[in-house]
Amino acid sequence: MYKKLDDNGLTTLLEAGIDEFSAKGLEKGNINVIAKNAGFSVGLIYKYYENKDRFFLACVEHSLKLLEQTMQEVLAREDDIMSCIRLLIHELMDGAKQHANYYVMYNEITSGSCQKYAAELARQIEGKTAKIYEQLVAKAKAEGRIRYAGNPRMFAFYFDSLLMMLQFSFSCEYYKERLKIFCGEEALDNPEAMAESFIGFMAGALGV
């Protein structure tokens, strides 16, 4: 008889899945290893999820909740565009350090190994974010708070791309080394300076 998963059990299972998939990817991730690390049977996983792909997608969704929650909290607390950007950068960098495997998994699904789910994942991950950033820039332009004269949608794309790279730089080994090459060996030890530099760059780009 299968043990029924409560909320804590489900979280434990999904976290074990994220650990495995972020380390090995979708194809090489092992359900047996996940079940063992979570303390459940393989049969239990397949009772709740149709196959490994469905379980993988559930792990992706779970890992994205932190990002979504962070954005909602920032927008609820701040109205000014630079205040939003400042708080968002600091919160996401803290998240990249505390939950590095979430961001490693994010990198994994953008790297091509999950090509068959590219469109589905892109819509799921980027859809809300794109609209939020576009609206922030458009609102700031309309209120005369910035001198940026370009397309808010384009700016949203550039900003999100830079933010994604910054998150990877504090969570993924390749991008950590890349950060050190560009910014110096001490860059990883001084995230505050990295955040302030990024904020200054954004202020200049927006013409604040």
N, C-alpha and C. Protein backbone atom coordinates (compact mmCIF):
# COMPACT_ATOMS: atom_id res chain seq x y z
N MET A 1 0.85 -1.20 0.00
CA MET A 1 0.00 0.00 0.00
C MET A 1 0.88 1.25 0.00
N TYR A 2 0.55 2.22 -0.86
CA TYR A 2 1.35 3.43 -0.98
C TYR A 2 1.07 4.38 0.17
N LYS A 3 2.15 5.06 0.59
CA LYS A 3 2.01 6.10 1.59
C LYS A 3 1.48 7.36 0.89
N LYS A 4 0.43 7.96 1.44
CA LYS A 4 -0.13 9.15 0.82
C LYS A 4 0.75 10.35 1.11
N LEU A 5 0.93 11.19 0.09
CA LEU A 5 1.78 12.36 0.26
C LEU A 5 0.98 13.53 0.84
N ASP A 6 1.45 14.09 1.97
CA ASP A 6 0.89 15.34 2.45
C ASP A 6 1.73 16.47 1.85
N ASP A 7 1.44 17.69 2.23
CA ASP A 7 2.15 18.83 1.64
C ASP A 7 3.65 18.77 1.91
N ASN A 8 4.03 18.38 3.13
CA ASN A 8 5.45 18.29 3.46
C ASN A 8 6.13 17.17 2.66
N GLY A 9 5.44 16.04 2.52
CA GLY A 9 5.98 14.94 1.75
C GLY A 9 6.15 15.30 0.28
N LEU A 10 5.17 16.02 -0.25
CA LEU A 10 5.24 16.44 -1.65
C LEU A 10 6.42 17.39 -1.86
N THR A 11 6.61 18.32 -0.92
CA THR A 11 7.73 19.25 -1.01
C THR A 11 9.06 18.50 -0.96
N THR A 12 9.16 17.53 -0.05
CA THR A 12 10.38 16.73 0.06
C THR A 12 10.67 16.01 -1.25
N LEU A 13 9.64 15.44 -1.85
CA LEU A 13 9.80 14.72 -3.11
C LEU A 13 10.24 15.65 -4.23
N LEU A 14 9.59 16.80 -4.35
CA LEU A 14 9.93 17.75 -5.41
C LEU A 14 11.34 18.32 -5.21
N GLU A 15 11.72 18.58 -3.97
CA GLU A 15 13.07 19.08 -3.70
C GLU A 15 14.11 18.04 -4.09
N ALA A 16 13.83 16.78 -3.81
CA ALA A 16 14.76 15.70 -4.21
C ALA A 16 14.84 15.64 -5.73
N GLY A 17 13.71 15.83 -6.40
CA GLY A 17 13.70 15.85 -7.85
C GLY A 17 14.52 17.00 -8.41
N ILE A 18 14.38 18.17 -7.83
CA ILE A 18 15.14 19.34 -8.27
C ILE A 18 16.63 19.11 -8.10
N ASP A 19 17.03 18.52 -6.97
CA ASP A 19 18.44 18.22 -6.75
C ASP A 19 18.98 17.31 -7.84
N GLU A 20 18.23 16.27 -8.18
CA GLU A 20 18.68 15.30 -9.17
C GLU A 20 18.68 15.89 -10.58
N PHE A 21 17.61 16.55 -10.95
CA PHE A 21 17.50 17.09 -12.31
C PHE A 21 18.46 18.26 -12.54
N SER A 22 18.68 19.06 -11.51
CA SER A 22 19.60 20.19 -11.69
C SER A 22 21.04 19.70 -11.85
N ALA A 23 21.34 18.54 -11.27
CA ALA A 23 22.68 17.97 -11.38
C ALA A 23 22.88 17.18 -12.67
N LYS A 24 21.81 16.50 -13.14
CA LYS A 24 21.98 15.56 -14.26
C LYS A 24 21.09 15.83 -15.47
N GLY A 25 20.14 16.74 -15.34
CA GLY A 25 19.24 17.02 -16.45
C GLY A 25 18.08 16.04 -16.52
N LEU A 26 17.19 16.30 -17.44
CA LEU A 26 15.99 15.48 -17.58
C LEU A 26 16.30 14.05 -18.00
N GLU A 27 17.10 13.90 -19.02
CA GLU A 27 17.34 12.57 -19.58
C GLU A 27 18.11 11.66 -18.62
N LYS A 28 19.11 12.20 -17.94
CA LYS A 28 19.96 11.38 -17.08
C LYS A 28 19.49 11.34 -15.62
N GLY A 29 18.54 12.20 -15.29
CA GLY A 29 18.00 12.18 -13.93
C GLY A 29 17.35 10.85 -13.63
N ASN A 30 17.63 10.29 -12.47
CA ASN A 30 17.20 8.93 -12.13
C ASN A 30 16.08 8.95 -11.10
N ILE A 31 14.93 8.42 -11.49
CA ILE A 31 13.77 8.38 -10.60
C ILE A 31 14.06 7.53 -9.37
N ASN A 32 14.81 6.45 -9.53
CA ASN A 32 15.15 5.59 -8.39
C ASN A 32 15.96 6.36 -7.34
N VAL A 33 16.90 7.17 -7.81
CA VAL A 33 17.72 7.98 -6.91
C VAL A 33 16.85 9.00 -6.20
N ILE A 34 15.95 9.62 -6.94
CA ILE A 34 15.05 10.62 -6.36
C ILE A 34 14.19 10.00 -5.27
N ALA A 35 13.60 8.85 -5.57
CA ALA A 35 12.74 8.17 -4.61
C ALA A 35 13.52 7.81 -3.34
N LYS A 36 14.72 7.29 -3.52
CA LYS A 36 15.54 6.91 -2.37
C LYS A 36 15.89 8.12 -1.51
N ASN A 37 16.31 9.21 -2.16
CA ASN A 37 16.70 10.41 -1.42
C ASN A 37 15.52 11.06 -0.71
N ALA A 38 14.33 10.90 -1.29
CA ALA A 38 13.13 11.49 -0.68
C ALA A 38 12.53 10.58 0.39
N GLY A 39 12.92 9.31 0.39
CA GLY A 39 12.38 8.36 1.35
C GLY A 39 11.03 7.78 0.96
N PHE A 40 10.77 7.77 -0.36
CA PHE A 40 9.52 7.21 -0.86
C PHE A 40 9.82 6.14 -1.91
N SER A 41 8.80 5.41 -2.30
CA SER A 41 8.98 4.39 -3.33
C SER A 41 8.81 4.99 -4.72
N VAL A 42 9.41 4.33 -5.70
CA VAL A 42 9.24 4.75 -7.10
C VAL A 42 7.77 4.67 -7.48
N GLY A 43 7.10 3.64 -7.00
CA GLY A 43 5.69 3.47 -7.30
C GLY A 43 4.85 4.65 -6.85
N LEU A 44 5.23 5.25 -5.71
CA LEU A 44 4.49 6.40 -5.20
C LEU A 44 4.61 7.58 -6.17
N ILE A 45 5.81 7.78 -6.69
CA ILE A 45 6.02 8.88 -7.64
C ILE A 45 5.10 8.71 -8.85
N TYR A 46 5.05 7.48 -9.36
CA TYR A 46 4.25 7.23 -10.56
C TYR A 46 2.75 7.17 -10.25
N LYS A 47 2.42 7.10 -8.98
CA LYS A 47 1.01 7.20 -8.60
C LYS A 47 0.53 8.64 -8.76
N TYR A 48 1.43 9.58 -8.48
CA TYR A 48 1.07 10.99 -8.55
C TYR A 48 1.41 11.63 -9.89
N TYR A 49 2.38 11.06 -10.59
CA TYR A 49 2.82 11.65 -11.86
C TYR A 49 2.85 10.57 -12.93
N GLU A 50 2.33 10.90 -14.08
CA GLU A 50 2.16 9.94 -15.17
C GLU A 50 3.47 9.30 -15.61
N ASN A 51 4.54 10.09 -15.69
CA ASN A 51 5.84 9.60 -16.13
C ASN A 51 6.93 10.56 -15.64
N LYS A 52 8.17 10.27 -15.99
CA LYS A 52 9.28 11.09 -15.51
C LYS A 52 9.17 12.52 -16.04
N ASP A 53 8.74 12.68 -17.27
CA ASP A 53 8.62 14.03 -17.84
C ASP A 53 7.63 14.87 -17.05
N ARG A 54 6.49 14.28 -16.70
CA ARG A 54 5.49 15.03 -15.94
C ARG A 54 6.02 15.40 -14.56
N PHE A 55 6.77 14.48 -13.96
CA PHE A 55 7.36 14.77 -12.66
C PHE A 55 8.40 15.88 -12.79
N PHE A 56 9.19 15.84 -13.84
CA PHE A 56 10.18 16.87 -14.10
C PHE A 56 9.51 18.24 -14.21
N LEU A 57 8.43 18.31 -14.96
CA LEU A 57 7.72 19.58 -15.14
C LEU A 57 7.13 20.08 -13.82
N ALA A 58 6.71 19.15 -12.97
CA ALA A 58 6.22 19.54 -11.64
C ALA A 58 7.36 20.12 -10.80
N CYS A 59 8.56 19.55 -10.95
CA CYS A 59 9.73 20.08 -10.25
C CYS A 59 10.07 21.48 -10.75
N VAL A 60 9.98 21.69 -12.07
CA VAL A 60 10.21 23.02 -12.64
C VAL A 60 9.23 24.03 -12.05
N GLU A 61 7.96 23.66 -12.02
CA GLU A 61 6.93 24.55 -11.49
C GLU A 61 7.20 24.89 -10.03
N HIS A 62 7.61 23.89 -9.26
CA HIS A 62 7.92 24.11 -7.84
C HIS A 62 9.09 25.07 -7.69
N SER A 63 10.12 24.89 -8.50
CA SER A 63 11.31 25.74 -8.39
C SER A 63 11.02 27.17 -8.81
N LEU A 64 10.02 27.37 -9.66
CA LEU A 64 9.69 28.72 -10.13
C LEU A 64 8.84 29.50 -9.14
N LYS A 65 8.25 28.80 -8.17
CA LYS A 65 7.38 29.48 -7.21
C LYS A 65 8.15 30.54 -6.42
N LEU A 66 9.42 30.26 -6.12
CA LEU A 66 10.22 31.22 -5.37
C LEU A 66 10.39 32.51 -6.17
N LEU A 67 10.69 32.37 -7.46
CA LEU A 67 10.86 33.54 -8.31
C LEU A 67 9.56 34.34 -8.41
N GLU A 68 8.47 33.63 -8.61
CA GLU A 68 7.17 34.29 -8.73
C GLU A 68 6.78 34.99 -7.43
N GLN A 69 7.02 34.32 -6.32
CA GLN A 69 6.70 34.90 -5.02
C GLN A 69 7.54 36.15 -4.77
N THR A 70 8.82 36.09 -5.13
CA THR A 70 9.71 37.23 -4.96
C THR A 70 9.22 38.44 -5.74
N MET A 71 8.84 38.22 -6.99
CA MET A 71 8.37 39.31 -7.83
C MET A 71 7.08 39.91 -7.27
N GLN A 72 6.17 39.07 -6.81
CA GLN A 72 4.91 39.57 -6.27
C GLN A 72 5.14 40.41 -5.01
N GLU A 73 6.07 39.96 -4.16
CA GLU A 73 6.37 40.68 -2.93
C GLU A 73 7.00 42.03 -3.24
N VAL A 74 7.90 42.06 -4.22
CA VAL A 74 8.57 43.31 -4.59
C VAL A 74 7.54 44.31 -5.13
N LEU A 75 6.69 43.86 -6.02
CA LEU A 75 5.71 44.75 -6.63
C LEU A 75 4.67 45.23 -5.62
N ALA A 76 4.40 44.41 -4.62
CA ALA A 76 3.43 44.80 -3.59
C ALA A 76 4.03 45.86 -2.66
N ARG A 77 5.35 45.86 -2.53
CA ARG A 77 6.02 46.76 -1.59
C ARG A 77 6.48 48.07 -2.24
N GLU A 78 6.79 48.01 -3.55
CA GLU A 78 7.40 49.16 -4.20
C GLU A 78 6.61 49.57 -5.44
N ASP A 79 6.56 50.89 -5.68
CA ASP A 79 5.86 51.40 -6.85
C ASP A 79 6.83 52.06 -7.83
N ASP A 80 7.87 52.70 -7.32
CA ASP A 80 8.86 53.37 -8.16
C ASP A 80 9.72 52.34 -8.89
N ILE A 81 10.02 52.56 -10.16
CA ILE A 81 10.71 51.57 -10.97
C ILE A 81 12.10 51.25 -10.43
N MET A 82 12.87 52.25 -10.00
CA MET A 82 14.22 51.97 -9.50
C MET A 82 14.17 51.27 -8.15
N SER A 83 13.18 51.58 -7.34
CA SER A 83 13.03 50.87 -6.07
C SER A 83 12.70 49.41 -6.33
N CYS A 84 11.84 49.17 -7.34
CA CYS A 84 11.51 47.79 -7.71
C CYS A 84 12.75 47.04 -8.20
N ILE A 85 13.50 47.69 -9.08
CA ILE A 85 14.70 47.06 -9.63
C ILE A 85 15.71 46.76 -8.53
N ARG A 86 15.93 47.73 -7.66
CA ARG A 86 16.89 47.55 -6.57
C ARG A 86 16.50 46.36 -5.68
N LEU A 87 15.26 46.35 -5.24
CA LEU A 87 14.80 45.29 -4.34
C LEU A 87 14.81 43.93 -5.05
N LEU A 88 14.39 43.93 -6.31
CA LEU A 88 14.33 42.69 -7.06
C LEU A 88 15.72 42.08 -7.24
N ILE A 89 16.69 42.90 -7.58
CA ILE A 89 18.06 42.41 -7.77
C ILE A 89 18.60 41.81 -6.49
N HIS A 90 18.43 42.50 -5.38
CA HIS A 90 18.93 41.98 -4.11
C HIS A 90 18.22 40.69 -3.70
N GLU A 91 16.90 40.66 -3.87
CA GLU A 91 16.14 39.47 -3.48
C GLU A 91 16.53 38.26 -4.35
N LEU A 92 16.67 38.47 -5.65
CA LEU A 92 17.00 37.36 -6.53
C LEU A 92 18.43 36.87 -6.32
N MET A 93 19.34 37.76 -6.01
CA MET A 93 20.71 37.33 -5.73
C MET A 93 20.76 36.52 -4.43
N ASP A 94 20.00 36.94 -3.44
CA ASP A 94 19.92 36.16 -2.20
C ASP A 94 19.34 34.78 -2.50
N GLY A 95 18.30 34.74 -3.34
CA GLY A 95 17.69 33.47 -3.71
C GLY A 95 18.65 32.57 -4.45
N ALA A 96 19.48 33.16 -5.31
CA ALA A 96 20.45 32.37 -6.07
C ALA A 96 21.48 31.72 -5.16
N LYS A 97 21.79 32.39 -4.07
CA LYS A 97 22.75 31.80 -3.11
C LYS A 97 22.08 30.75 -2.22
N GLN A 98 20.87 31.03 -1.78
CA GLN A 98 20.19 30.14 -0.83
C GLN A 98 19.57 28.92 -1.51
N HIS A 99 19.16 29.09 -2.76
CA HIS A 99 18.51 28.00 -3.50
C HIS A 99 19.19 27.83 -4.86
N ALA A 100 20.49 27.61 -4.82
CA ALA A 100 21.26 27.55 -6.06
C ALA A 100 20.73 26.49 -7.01
N ASN A 101 20.25 25.36 -6.46
CA ASN A 101 19.78 24.28 -7.34
C ASN A 101 18.55 24.70 -8.15
N TYR A 102 17.75 25.62 -7.64
CA TYR A 102 16.60 26.13 -8.40
C TYR A 102 17.09 26.82 -9.67
N TYR A 103 18.13 27.62 -9.52
CA TYR A 103 18.62 28.40 -10.65
C TYR A 103 19.46 27.53 -11.59
N VAL A 104 20.12 26.52 -11.04
CA VAL A 104 20.81 25.55 -11.89
C VAL A 104 19.79 24.83 -12.76
N MET A 105 18.64 24.51 -12.18
CA MET A 105 17.59 23.86 -12.95
C MET A 105 17.02 24.80 -14.02
N TYR A 106 16.87 26.05 -13.67
CA TYR A 106 16.44 27.06 -14.63
C TYR A 106 17.42 27.10 -15.81
N ASN A 107 18.71 27.08 -15.50
CA ASN A 107 19.73 27.07 -16.55
C ASN A 107 19.63 25.80 -17.39
N GLU A 108 19.36 24.69 -16.74
CA GLU A 108 19.23 23.40 -17.44
C GLU A 108 18.11 23.44 -18.47
N ILE A 109 16.99 24.02 -18.13
CA ILE A 109 15.86 24.02 -19.06
C ILE A 109 16.02 25.06 -20.16
N THR A 110 16.98 25.96 -20.03
CA THR A 110 17.24 26.91 -21.11
C THR A 110 18.39 26.48 -22.00
N SER A 111 19.02 25.35 -21.68
CA SER A 111 20.25 24.97 -22.37
C SER A 111 20.03 24.09 -23.59
N GLY A 112 18.82 23.66 -23.86
CA GLY A 112 18.56 22.85 -25.05
C GLY A 112 18.26 21.40 -24.75
N SER A 113 18.59 20.92 -23.54
CA SER A 113 18.34 19.52 -23.21
C SER A 113 16.85 19.24 -23.02
N CYS A 114 16.06 20.29 -22.88
CA CYS A 114 14.62 20.14 -22.72
C CYS A 114 13.88 20.74 -23.91
N GLN A 115 14.47 20.56 -25.07
CA GLN A 115 13.97 21.21 -26.28
C GLN A 115 12.50 20.91 -26.55
N LYS A 116 12.07 19.69 -26.26
CA LYS A 116 10.69 19.32 -26.58
C LYS A 116 9.67 20.10 -25.75
N TYR A 117 10.12 20.69 -24.65
CA TYR A 117 9.22 21.48 -23.82
C TYR A 117 9.56 22.96 -23.88
N ALA A 118 10.37 23.36 -24.85
CA ALA A 118 10.87 24.74 -24.91
C ALA A 118 9.73 25.75 -24.94
N ALA A 119 8.78 25.56 -25.84
CA ALA A 119 7.69 26.54 -25.97
C ALA A 119 6.83 26.58 -24.71
N GLU A 120 6.50 25.40 -24.18
CA GLU A 120 5.67 25.31 -22.97
C GLU A 120 6.35 25.99 -21.79
N LEU A 121 7.64 25.69 -21.60
CA LEU A 121 8.36 26.24 -20.46
C LEU A 121 8.59 27.74 -20.62
N ALA A 122 8.89 28.18 -21.83
CA ALA A 122 9.12 29.60 -22.06
C ALA A 122 7.87 30.41 -21.72
N ARG A 123 6.72 29.92 -22.17
CA ARG A 123 5.47 30.63 -21.85
C ARG A 123 5.22 30.64 -20.34
N GLN A 124 5.47 29.51 -19.71
CA GLN A 124 5.22 29.38 -18.28
C GLN A 124 6.15 30.28 -17.47
N ILE A 125 7.41 30.29 -17.85
CA ILE A 125 8.41 31.01 -17.07
C ILE A 125 8.42 32.50 -17.39
N GLU A 126 8.40 32.83 -18.66
CA GLU A 126 8.63 34.21 -19.08
C GLU A 126 7.37 35.03 -19.30
N GLY A 127 6.23 34.38 -19.49
CA GLY A 127 5.01 35.10 -19.84
C GLY A 127 4.65 36.22 -18.88
N LYS A 128 4.54 35.89 -17.61
CA LYS A 128 4.15 36.89 -16.61
C LYS A 128 5.25 37.93 -16.43
N THR A 129 6.48 37.47 -16.39
CA THR A 129 7.61 38.36 -16.16
C THR A 129 7.70 39.43 -17.24
N ALA A 130 7.55 39.03 -18.49
CA ALA A 130 7.65 39.97 -19.60
C ALA A 130 6.63 41.10 -19.46
N LYS A 131 5.40 40.76 -19.10
CA LYS A 131 4.34 41.77 -18.97
C LYS A 131 4.60 42.70 -17.79
N ILE A 132 5.09 42.13 -16.68
CA ILE A 132 5.35 42.94 -15.48
C ILE A 132 6.43 43.98 -15.77
N TYR A 133 7.54 43.57 -16.38
CA TYR A 133 8.62 44.50 -16.67
C TYR A 133 8.19 45.54 -17.69
N GLU A 134 7.46 45.11 -18.71
CA GLU A 134 6.98 46.05 -19.73
C GLU A 134 6.10 47.12 -19.10
N GLN A 135 5.20 46.70 -18.21
CA GLN A 135 4.29 47.65 -17.57
C GLN A 135 5.03 48.61 -16.64
N LEU A 136 6.07 48.10 -15.96
CA LEU A 136 6.87 48.96 -15.10
C LEU A 136 7.52 50.09 -15.89
N VAL A 137 8.13 49.74 -17.01
CA VAL A 137 8.81 50.73 -17.84
C VAL A 137 7.81 51.70 -18.47
N ALA A 138 6.72 51.17 -19.00
CA ALA A 138 5.71 52.02 -19.63
C ALA A 138 5.13 53.01 -18.63
N LYS A 139 4.88 52.56 -17.41
CA LYS A 139 4.32 53.42 -16.36
C LYS A 139 5.31 54.53 -16.00
N ALA A 140 6.58 54.15 -15.84
CA ALA A 140 7.61 55.13 -15.49
C ALA A 140 7.78 56.16 -16.60
N LYS A 141 7.68 55.73 -17.86
CA LYS A 141 7.76 56.67 -18.99
C LYS A 141 6.58 57.63 -18.97
N ALA A 142 5.39 57.10 -18.76
CA ALA A 142 4.19 57.92 -18.76
C ALA A 142 4.21 58.96 -17.63
N GLU A 143 4.84 58.61 -16.51
CA GLU A 143 4.91 59.52 -15.36
C GLU A 143 6.10 60.45 -15.43
N GLY A 144 6.95 60.30 -16.46
CA GLY A 144 8.10 61.17 -16.62
C GLY A 144 9.23 60.89 -15.65
N ARG A 145 9.27 59.68 -15.10
CA ARG A 145 10.32 59.34 -14.12
C ARG A 145 11.62 58.89 -14.78
N ILE A 146 11.56 58.51 -16.05
CA ILE A 146 12.74 58.05 -16.77
C ILE A 146 12.81 58.77 -18.11
N ARG A 147 14.03 58.80 -18.69
CA ARG A 147 14.23 59.43 -19.99
C ARG A 147 14.40 58.39 -21.09
N TYR A 148 14.23 57.13 -20.78
CA TYR A 148 14.36 56.08 -21.78
C TYR A 148 13.28 56.26 -22.84
N ALA A 149 13.71 56.34 -24.11
CA ALA A 149 12.78 56.64 -25.19
C ALA A 149 12.44 55.41 -26.04
N GLY A 150 13.00 54.26 -25.68
CA GLY A 150 12.82 53.07 -26.49
C GLY A 150 11.53 52.31 -26.18
N ASN A 151 11.43 51.16 -26.78
CA ASN A 151 10.26 50.29 -26.64
C ASN A 151 10.30 49.58 -25.28
N PRO A 152 9.27 49.74 -24.44
CA PRO A 152 9.26 49.08 -23.13
C PRO A 152 9.40 47.56 -23.22
N ARG A 153 8.86 46.95 -24.27
CA ARG A 153 8.97 45.50 -24.42
C ARG A 153 10.42 45.09 -24.66
N MET A 154 11.12 45.87 -25.46
CA MET A 154 12.54 45.58 -25.71
C MET A 154 13.35 45.73 -24.44
N PHE A 155 13.06 46.81 -23.69
CA PHE A 155 13.78 47.02 -22.44
C PHE A 155 13.53 45.88 -21.47
N ALA A 156 12.29 45.41 -21.41
CA ALA A 156 11.95 44.29 -20.53
C ALA A 156 12.78 43.06 -20.89
N PHE A 157 12.96 42.84 -22.19
CA PHE A 157 13.76 41.69 -22.64
C PHE A 157 15.21 41.85 -22.23
N TYR A 158 15.79 43.02 -22.45
CA TYR A 158 17.20 43.23 -22.11
C TYR A 158 17.42 43.11 -20.60
N PHE A 159 16.52 43.71 -19.83
CA PHE A 159 16.65 43.68 -18.38
C PHE A 159 16.55 42.25 -17.85
N ASP A 160 15.56 41.51 -18.32
CA ASP A 160 15.39 40.14 -17.85
C ASP A 160 16.58 39.27 -18.23
N SER A 161 17.12 39.48 -19.42
CA SER A 161 18.29 38.70 -19.87
C SER A 161 19.49 38.96 -18.97
N LEU A 162 19.71 40.21 -18.61
CA LEU A 162 20.81 40.55 -17.72
C LEU A 162 20.59 39.99 -16.32
N LEU A 163 19.36 40.08 -15.85
CA LEU A 163 19.02 39.57 -14.52
C LEU A 163 19.21 38.06 -14.46
N MET A 164 18.79 37.37 -15.51
CA MET A 164 18.97 35.92 -15.57
C MET A 164 20.45 35.55 -15.52
N MET A 165 21.26 36.29 -16.27
CA MET A 165 22.70 36.02 -16.27
C MET A 165 23.31 36.25 -14.89
N LEU A 166 22.85 37.28 -14.20
CA LEU A 166 23.36 37.56 -12.86
C LEU A 166 23.01 36.42 -11.91
N GLN A 167 21.79 35.90 -12.00
CA GLN A 167 21.39 34.78 -11.16
C GLN A 167 22.25 33.55 -11.43
N PHE A 168 22.47 33.26 -12.70
CA PHE A 168 23.31 32.11 -13.06
C PHE A 168 24.74 32.30 -12.54
N SER A 169 25.20 33.55 -12.51
CA SER A 169 26.57 33.83 -12.11
C SER A 169 26.82 33.55 -10.62
N PHE A 170 25.74 33.44 -9.85
CA PHE A 170 25.89 33.13 -8.43
C PHE A 170 25.36 31.73 -8.08
N SER A 171 25.08 30.92 -9.12
CA SER A 171 24.54 29.59 -8.83
C SER A 171 25.12 28.48 -9.71
N CYS A 172 25.51 28.78 -10.94
CA CYS A 172 25.98 27.76 -11.89
C CYS A 172 27.49 27.85 -12.04
N GLU A 173 28.17 26.72 -12.01
CA GLU A 173 29.63 26.70 -11.97
C GLU A 173 30.27 27.40 -13.17
N TYR A 174 29.76 27.14 -14.36
CA TYR A 174 30.34 27.78 -15.55
C TYR A 174 30.24 29.30 -15.44
N TYR A 175 29.06 29.78 -15.05
CA TYR A 175 28.85 31.22 -14.99
C TYR A 175 29.56 31.86 -13.80
N LYS A 176 29.82 31.09 -12.76
CA LYS A 176 30.64 31.60 -11.67
C LYS A 176 32.05 31.90 -12.17
N GLU A 177 32.61 30.96 -12.93
CA GLU A 177 33.95 31.16 -13.48
C GLU A 177 33.95 32.32 -14.47
N ARG A 178 32.90 32.43 -15.25
CA ARG A 178 32.78 33.54 -16.20
C ARG A 178 32.76 34.88 -15.47
N LEU A 179 32.02 34.93 -14.36
CA LEU A 179 31.96 36.14 -13.55
C LEU A 179 33.34 36.54 -13.05
N LYS A 180 34.10 35.55 -12.58
CA LYS A 180 35.44 35.84 -12.05
C LYS A 180 36.37 36.33 -13.15
N ILE A 181 36.23 35.78 -14.35
CA ILE A 181 37.07 36.21 -15.48
C ILE A 181 36.80 37.67 -15.82
N PHE A 182 35.53 38.04 -15.87
CA PHE A 182 35.18 39.41 -16.24
C PHE A 182 35.37 40.41 -15.11
N CYS A 183 35.01 40.01 -13.89
CA CYS A 183 34.92 40.97 -12.78
C CYS A 183 35.96 40.78 -11.69
N GLY A 184 36.76 39.73 -11.79
CA GLY A 184 37.79 39.49 -10.79
C GLY A 184 37.45 38.35 -9.86
N GLU A 185 38.48 37.74 -9.29
CA GLU A 185 38.31 36.58 -8.42
C GLU A 185 37.45 36.89 -7.19
N GLU A 186 37.46 38.14 -6.76
CA GLU A 186 36.76 38.51 -5.54
C GLU A 186 35.27 38.79 -5.76
N ALA A 187 34.82 38.76 -7.00
CA ALA A 187 33.44 39.18 -7.31
C ALA A 187 32.40 38.33 -6.57
N LEU A 188 32.62 37.03 -6.50
CA LEU A 188 31.65 36.15 -5.84
C LEU A 188 31.54 36.41 -4.35
N ASP A 189 32.60 36.97 -3.78
CA ASP A 189 32.61 37.24 -2.34
C ASP A 189 32.02 38.61 -2.01
N ASN A 190 31.65 39.35 -3.02
CA ASN A 190 31.13 40.70 -2.77
C ASN A 190 29.86 40.94 -3.60
N PRO A 191 28.80 40.16 -3.32
CA PRO A 191 27.56 40.30 -4.09
C PRO A 191 26.93 41.68 -3.96
N GLU A 192 27.16 42.34 -2.82
CA GLU A 192 26.59 43.67 -2.63
C GLU A 192 27.14 44.65 -3.67
N ALA A 193 28.44 44.57 -3.91
CA ALA A 193 29.06 45.45 -4.91
C ALA A 193 28.55 45.13 -6.30
N MET A 194 28.35 43.84 -6.60
CA MET A 194 27.81 43.43 -7.89
C MET A 194 26.40 43.98 -8.07
N ALA A 195 25.59 43.87 -7.02
CA ALA A 195 24.21 44.35 -7.09
C ALA A 195 24.17 45.86 -7.32
N GLU A 196 25.01 46.61 -6.58
CA GLU A 196 25.01 48.06 -6.71
C GLU A 196 25.50 48.50 -8.09
N SER A 197 26.46 47.77 -8.64
CA SER A 197 26.95 48.07 -9.98
C SER A 197 25.85 47.84 -11.02
N PHE A 198 25.12 46.76 -10.85
CA PHE A 198 24.01 46.44 -11.76
C PHE A 198 22.93 47.51 -11.67
N ILE A 199 22.60 47.92 -10.44
CA ILE A 199 21.58 48.95 -10.23
C ILE A 199 22.00 50.26 -10.89
N GLY A 200 23.28 50.61 -10.75
CA GLY A 200 23.79 51.82 -11.39
C GLY A 200 23.72 51.74 -12.90
N PHE A 201 24.02 50.57 -13.44
CA PHE A 201 23.91 50.35 -14.89
C PHE A 201 22.48 50.55 -15.37
N MET A 202 21.52 50.00 -14.62
CA MET A 202 20.12 50.12 -15.00
C MET A 202 19.64 51.57 -14.90
N ALA A 203 20.10 52.29 -13.89
CA ALA A 203 19.72 53.70 -13.74
C ALA A 203 20.19 54.50 -14.94
N GLY A 204 21.43 54.22 -15.38
CA GLY A 204 21.95 54.91 -16.55
C GLY A 204 21.17 54.56 -17.82
N ALA A 205 20.83 53.28 -17.96
CA ALA A 205 20.10 52.82 -19.15
C ALA A 205 18.71 53.45 -19.21
N LEU A 206 18.10 53.64 -18.05
CA LEU A 206 16.75 54.20 -18.00
C LEU A 206 16.75 55.72 -18.03
N GLY A 207 17.92 56.32 -17.80
CA GLY A 207 17.97 57.78 -17.74
C GLY A 207 17.29 58.32 -16.52
N VAL A 208 17.52 57.69 -15.38
CA VAL A 208 16.91 58.13 -14.13
C VAL A 208 17.66 59.35 -13.61
